[in-house]
Amino acid sequence: MPRKKIIKKEVAIDVLDVVNKKWAEIGAELDKKFADINERLMRVERYCAEKQVVEEKKVEEKAKVETMTGLLPIPPDYRKLVDEILNQEFKIRLAQPSDSMSFQFTIIVPEQYSTMTPQMKQLYGEDIRPKVITYAEGINGVKEWCERVYSSFGIEMKAAITKDRKKT
């Protein structure tokens, strides 16, 4: 009879070893999962922080625009210059900074002609080419800026702009 008791103790010890090993495996698996969850959480936090920076920059840009006294009507001569040098698909915007003897002339580049990278599009939203022009420069300043924007494009893009100009 004493032999049966020893066998039961050995079986009990073996079962305890198996249980301890199983708990160790489960613990290691849980540690891996917690590490994975923690890494994912860190990535989400970095993404949110980057997104917040982008949003803050957009708010700053919007605040800059709001410091303008307002949008001005677009003179037909300016629109005609943009149509002749670029084409009718390019939009323009005029704004007057407060307390200034100048205006901000902004050319909005259509998406098909845009040279912005996807990151820049995400940050700025649209491809704009702003320039502050004094009233003394007037239409000559607008013409120079349109020519400069046109010259900033590559050969293929210039050809596409010119081709589309002839369509209209």
C-alpha atoms as a PDB file:
ATOM      1  CA  MET A   1       0.000   0.000   0.000  1.00  0.00           C
ATOM      2  CA  PRO A   2       2.664   2.533   0.597  1.00  0.00           C
ATOM      3  CA  ARG A   3       3.597   2.110  -3.040  1.00  0.00           C
ATOM      4  CA  LYS A   4       0.227   3.438  -4.207  1.00  0.00           C
ATOM      5  CA  LYS A   5       0.697   6.589  -2.148  1.00  0.00           C
ATOM      6  CA  ILE A   6       4.070   7.230  -3.775  1.00  0.00           C
ATOM      7  CA  ILE A   7       2.588   6.792  -7.224  1.00  0.00           C
ATOM      8  CA  LYS A   8      -0.177   9.252  -6.407  1.00  0.00           C
ATOM      9  CA  LYS A   9       2.389  11.781  -5.189  1.00  0.00           C
ATOM     10  CA  GLU A  10       4.465  11.355  -8.368  1.00  0.00           C
ATOM     11  CA  VAL A  11       1.347  11.758 -10.538  1.00  0.00           C
ATOM     12  CA  ALA A  12       0.352  14.806  -8.510  1.00  0.00           C
ATOM     13  CA  ILE A  13       3.853  16.247  -8.976  1.00  0.00           C
ATOM     14  CA  ASP A  14       3.744  15.526 -12.725  1.00  0.00           C
ATOM     15  CA  VAL A  15       0.326  17.195 -13.041  1.00  0.00           C
ATOM     16  CA  LEU A  16       1.600  20.211 -11.107  1.00  0.00           C
ATOM     17  CA  ASP A  17       4.612  20.485 -13.465  1.00  0.00           C
ATOM     18  CA  VAL A  18       2.319  20.308 -16.489  1.00  0.00           C
ATOM     19  CA  VAL A  19       0.023  22.966 -15.031  1.00  0.00           C
ATOM     20  CA  ASN A  20       2.997  25.237 -14.190  1.00  0.00           C
ATOM     21  CA  LYS A  21       4.399  24.838 -17.723  1.00  0.00           C
ATOM     22  CA  LYS A  22       0.992  25.589 -19.223  1.00  0.00           C
ATOM     23  CA  TRP A  23       0.649  28.711 -17.073  1.00  0.00           C
ATOM     24  CA  ALA A  24       4.128  29.794 -18.130  1.00  0.00           C
ATOM     25  CA  GLU A  25       3.178  29.354 -21.800  1.00  0.00           C
ATOM     26  CA  ILE A  26      -0.055  31.298 -21.293  1.00  0.00           C
ATOM     27  CA  GLY A  27       1.856  34.037 -19.464  1.00  0.00           C
ATOM     28  CA  ALA A  28       4.410  34.300 -22.274  1.00  0.00           C
ATOM     29  CA  GLU A  29       1.613  34.422 -24.868  1.00  0.00           C
ATOM     30  CA  LEU A  30      -0.168  37.154 -22.890  1.00  0.00           C
ATOM     31  CA  ASP A  31       3.076  39.140 -22.625  1.00  0.00           C
ATOM     32  CA  LYS A  32       3.445  38.988 -26.429  1.00  0.00           C
ATOM     33  CA  LYS A  33      -0.147  40.103 -26.920  1.00  0.00           C
ATOM     34  CA  PHE A  34       0.233  42.965 -24.444  1.00  0.00           C
ATOM     35  CA  ALA A  35       3.428  44.069 -26.204  1.00  0.00           C
ATOM     36  CA  ASP A  36       1.615  43.958 -29.567  1.00  0.00           C
ATOM     37  CA  ILE A  37      -1.322  45.951 -28.198  1.00  0.00           C
ATOM     38  CA  ASN A  38       1.071  48.455 -26.649  1.00  0.00           C
ATOM     39  CA  GLU A  39       2.907  48.884 -29.975  1.00  0.00           C
ATOM     40  CA  ARG A  40      -0.379  49.426 -31.810  1.00  0.00           C
ATOM     41  CA  LEU A  41      -1.460  51.958 -29.214  1.00  0.00           C
ATOM     42  CA  MET A  42       1.838  53.818 -29.618  1.00  0.00           C
ATOM     43  CA  ARG A  43       1.317  53.917 -33.417  1.00  0.00           C
ATOM     44  CA  VAL A  44      -2.198  55.302 -32.961  1.00  0.00           C
ATOM     45  CA  GLU A  45      -0.903  57.948 -30.555  1.00  0.00           C
ATOM     46  CA  ARG A  46       1.845  58.968 -33.035  1.00  0.00           C
ATOM     47  CA  TYR A  47      -0.716  59.140 -35.844  1.00  0.00           C
ATOM     48  CA  CYS A  48      -3.054  61.280 -33.720  1.00  0.00           C
ATOM     49  CA  ALA A  49      -0.195  63.596 -32.782  1.00  0.00           C
ATOM     50  CA  GLU A  50       0.829  63.984 -36.439  1.00  0.00           C
ATOM     51  CA  LYS A  51      -2.784  64.581 -37.427  1.00  0.00           C
ATOM     52  CA  GLN A  52      -3.097  67.209 -34.711  1.00  0.00           C
ATOM     53  CA  VAL A  53      -0.017  69.007 -36.066  1.00  0.00           C
ATOM     54  CA  VAL A  54      -1.568  68.993 -39.549  1.00  0.00           C
ATOM     55  CA  GLU A  55      -4.846  70.330 -38.144  1.00  0.00           C
ATOM     56  CA  GLU A  56      -2.976  73.058 -36.240  1.00  0.00           C
ATOM     57  CA  LYS A  57      -1.187  74.111 -39.426  1.00  0.00           C
ATOM     58  CA  LYS A  58      -4.510  74.272 -41.263  1.00  0.00           C
ATOM     59  CA  VAL A  59      -5.941  76.425 -38.461  1.00  0.00           C
ATOM     60  CA  GLU A  60      -2.894  78.713 -38.670  1.00  0.00           C
ATOM     61  CA  GLU A  61      -3.320  79.048 -42.439  1.00  0.00           C
ATOM     62  CA  LYS A  62      -7.002  79.792 -41.978  1.00  0.00           C
ATOM     63  CA  ALA A  63      -6.130  82.414 -39.367  1.00  0.00           C
ATOM     64  CA  LYS A  64      -3.739  84.043 -41.849  1.00  0.00           C
ATOM     65  CA  VAL A  65      -6.487  84.230 -44.446  1.00  0.00           C
ATOM     66  CA  GLU A  66      -8.884  85.646 -41.864  1.00  0.00           C
ATOM     67  CA  THR A  67      -6.469  88.514 -41.184  1.00  0.00           C
ATOM     68  CA  MET A  68      -7.262  89.702 -44.680  1.00  0.00           C
ATOM     69  CA  THR A  69      -9.994  92.330 -44.780  1.00  0.00           C
ATOM     70  CA  GLY A  70     -11.796  90.202 -47.318  1.00  0.00           C
ATOM     71  CA  LEU A  71     -11.802  88.920 -50.827  1.00  0.00           C
ATOM     72  CA  LEU A  72     -11.811  91.487 -53.576  1.00  0.00           C
ATOM     73  CA  PRO A  73     -13.711  91.282 -56.836  1.00  0.00           C
ATOM     74  CA  ILE A  74     -11.550  90.034 -59.698  1.00  0.00           C
ATOM     75  CA  PRO A  75     -10.947  92.632 -62.408  1.00  0.00           C
ATOM     76  CA  PRO A  76     -11.691  91.310 -65.917  1.00  0.00           C
ATOM     77  CA  ASP A  77      -8.182  92.296 -67.045  1.00  0.00           C
ATOM     78  CA  TYR A  78      -6.625  89.990 -64.435  1.00  0.00           C
ATOM     79  CA  ARG A  79      -8.908  87.111 -65.434  1.00  0.00           C
ATOM     80  CA  LYS A  80      -8.044  87.672 -69.103  1.00  0.00           C
ATOM     81  CA  LEU A  81      -4.300  87.558 -68.341  1.00  0.00           C
ATOM     82  CA  VAL A  82      -4.676  84.274 -66.452  1.00  0.00           C
ATOM     83  CA  ASP A  83      -6.716  82.819 -69.326  1.00  0.00           C
ATOM     84  CA  GLU A  84      -4.131  83.910 -71.918  1.00  0.00           C
ATOM     85  CA  ILE A  85      -0.961  82.916 -70.051  1.00  0.00           C
ATOM     86  CA  LEU A  86      -2.310  79.814 -68.302  1.00  0.00           C
ATOM     87  CA  ASN A  87      -5.872  78.789 -69.209  1.00  0.00           C
ATOM     88  CA  GLN A  88      -9.475  79.098 -68.008  1.00  0.00           C
ATOM     89  CA  GLU A  89      -9.203  76.112 -65.682  1.00  0.00           C
ATOM     90  CA  PHE A  90      -6.903  78.080 -63.349  1.00  0.00           C
ATOM     91  CA  LYS A  91      -8.856  79.901 -60.654  1.00  0.00           C
ATOM     92  CA  ILE A  92      -7.742  83.124 -59.013  1.00  0.00           C
ATOM     93  CA  ARG A  93      -8.435  84.849 -55.745  1.00  0.00           C
ATOM     94  CA  LEU A  94      -7.703  88.408 -54.650  1.00  0.00           C
ATOM     95  CA  ALA A  95      -7.502  89.426 -51.027  1.00  0.00           C
ATOM     96  CA  GLN A  96      -6.360  92.601 -49.362  1.00  0.00           C
ATOM     97  CA  PRO A  97      -4.236  92.388 -46.225  1.00  0.00           C
ATOM     98  CA  SER A  98      -5.375  94.839 -43.573  1.00  0.00           C
ATOM     99  CA  ASP A  99      -3.531  98.174 -43.508  1.00  0.00           C
ATOM    100  CA  SER A 100      -1.617  97.518 -46.692  1.00  0.00           C
ATOM    101  CA  MET A 101      -1.162  99.175 -50.067  1.00  0.00           C
ATOM    102  CA  SER A 102      -1.045  95.804 -51.765  1.00  0.00           C
ATOM    103  CA  PHE A 103      -3.187  92.793 -52.515  1.00  0.00           C
ATOM    104  CA  GLN A 104      -2.597  89.078 -52.433  1.00  0.00           C
ATOM    105  CA  PHE A 105      -3.044  87.552 -55.868  1.00  0.00           C
ATOM    106  CA  THR A 106      -3.478  83.788 -55.610  1.00  0.00           C
ATOM    107  CA  ILE A 107      -3.507  81.377 -58.518  1.00  0.00           C
ATOM    108  CA  ILE A 108      -5.274  78.114 -57.714  1.00  0.00           C
ATOM    109  CA  VAL A 109      -3.765  75.347 -59.827  1.00  0.00           C
ATOM    110  CA  PRO A 110      -6.222  72.697 -61.069  1.00  0.00           C
ATOM    111  CA  GLU A 111      -5.491  69.191 -59.839  1.00  0.00           C
ATOM    112  CA  GLN A 112      -4.531  67.859 -63.285  1.00  0.00           C
ATOM    113  CA  TYR A 113      -1.683  70.404 -63.476  1.00  0.00           C
ATOM    114  CA  SER A 114      -0.667  70.247 -59.827  1.00  0.00           C
ATOM    115  CA  THR A 115       2.894  69.286 -58.933  1.00  0.00           C
ATOM    116  CA  MET A 116       2.100  68.642 -55.266  1.00  0.00           C
ATOM    117  CA  THR A 117       3.016  65.376 -53.589  1.00  0.00           C
ATOM    118  CA  PRO A 118       0.268  63.452 -51.739  1.00  0.00           C
ATOM    119  CA  GLN A 119       1.741  64.614 -48.420  1.00  0.00           C
ATOM    120  CA  MET A 120       1.587  68.246 -49.522  1.00  0.00           C
ATOM    121  CA  LYS A 121      -2.002  67.790 -50.710  1.00  0.00           C
ATOM    122  CA  GLN A 122      -2.916  66.361 -47.330  1.00  0.00           C
ATOM    123  CA  LEU A 123      -1.220  69.251 -45.529  1.00  0.00           C
ATOM    124  CA  TYR A 124      -2.336  72.185 -47.684  1.00  0.00           C
ATOM    125  CA  GLY A 125      -5.429  70.835 -49.400  1.00  0.00           C
ATOM    126  CA  GLU A 126      -5.002  72.625 -52.713  1.00  0.00           C
ATOM    127  CA  ASP A 127      -2.159  73.810 -54.928  1.00  0.00           C
ATOM    128  CA  ILE A 128      -2.080  77.574 -54.553  1.00  0.00           C
ATOM    129  CA  ARG A 129       0.508  80.055 -55.777  1.00  0.00           C
ATOM    130  CA  PRO A 130       0.060  83.286 -53.782  1.00  0.00           C
ATOM    131  CA  LYS A 131       1.948  86.544 -54.357  1.00  0.00           C
ATOM    132  CA  VAL A 132       1.600  89.921 -52.693  1.00  0.00           C
ATOM    133  CA  ILE A 133       1.476  92.584 -55.400  1.00  0.00           C
ATOM    134  CA  THR A 134       1.485  96.315 -54.723  1.00  0.00           C
ATOM    135  CA  TYR A 135      -1.151  98.491 -56.312  1.00  0.00           C
ATOM    136  CA  ALA A 136       1.688 100.338 -58.059  1.00  0.00           C
ATOM    137  CA  GLU A 137       2.654  97.111 -59.860  1.00  0.00           C
ATOM    138  CA  GLY A 138      -0.974  96.410 -60.699  1.00  0.00           C
ATOM    139  CA  ILE A 139      -1.626  94.506 -63.903  1.00  0.00           C
ATOM    140  CA  ASN A 140       2.107  94.258 -64.706  1.00  0.00           C
ATOM    141  CA  GLY A 141       2.689  92.479 -61.390  1.00  0.00           C
ATOM    142  CA  VAL A 142      -0.176  90.094 -62.156  1.00  0.00           C
ATOM    143  CA  LYS A 143       1.237  89.389 -65.633  1.00  0.00           C
ATOM    144  CA  GLU A 144       4.723  88.718 -64.246  1.00  0.00           C
ATOM    145  CA  TRP A 145       3.317  86.364 -61.606  1.00  0.00           C
ATOM    146  CA  CYS A 146       1.245  84.433 -64.163  1.00  0.00           C
ATOM    147  CA  GLU A 147       4.327  84.041 -66.383  1.00  0.00           C
ATOM    148  CA  ARG A 148       6.395  82.925 -63.421  1.00  0.00           C
ATOM    149  CA  VAL A 149       3.812  80.326 -62.388  1.00  0.00           C
ATOM    150  CA  TYR A 150       3.651  79.080 -65.993  1.00  0.00           C
ATOM    151  CA  SER A 151       7.456  78.812 -66.156  1.00  0.00           C
ATOM    152  CA  SER A 152       7.471  76.729 -62.960  1.00  0.00           C
ATOM    153  CA  PHE A 153       5.838  73.794 -64.788  1.00  0.00           C
ATOM    154  CA  GLY A 154       7.742  71.115 -66.687  1.00  0.00           C
ATOM    155  CA  ILE A 155       7.729  70.829 -70.475  1.00  0.00           C
ATOM    156  CA  GLU A 156       4.942  68.220 -70.614  1.00  0.00           C
ATOM    157  CA  MET A 157       2.759  70.187 -68.227  1.00  0.00           C
ATOM    158  CA  LYS A 158       3.316  73.406 -70.198  1.00  0.00           C
ATOM    159  CA  ALA A 159       2.262  71.547 -73.346  1.00  0.00           C
ATOM    160  CA  ALA A 160      -0.906  70.294 -71.622  1.00  0.00           C
ATOM    161  CA  ILE A 161      -1.724  73.780 -70.310  1.00  0.00           C
ATOM    162  CA  THR A 162      -1.202  75.304 -73.761  1.00  0.00           C
ATOM    163  CA  LYS A 163      -3.258  72.554 -75.432  1.00  0.00           C
ATOM    164  CA  ASP A 164      -6.123  73.107 -72.990  1.00  0.00           C
ATOM    165  CA  ARG A 165      -5.824  76.874 -73.492  1.00  0.00           C
ATOM    166  CA  LYS A 166      -6.476  76.438 -77.221  1.00  0.00           C
ATOM    167  CA  LYS A 167      -9.587  74.332 -76.526  1.00  0.00           C
ATOM    168  CA  THR A 168     -11.374  77.164 -74.802  1.00  0.00           C
END
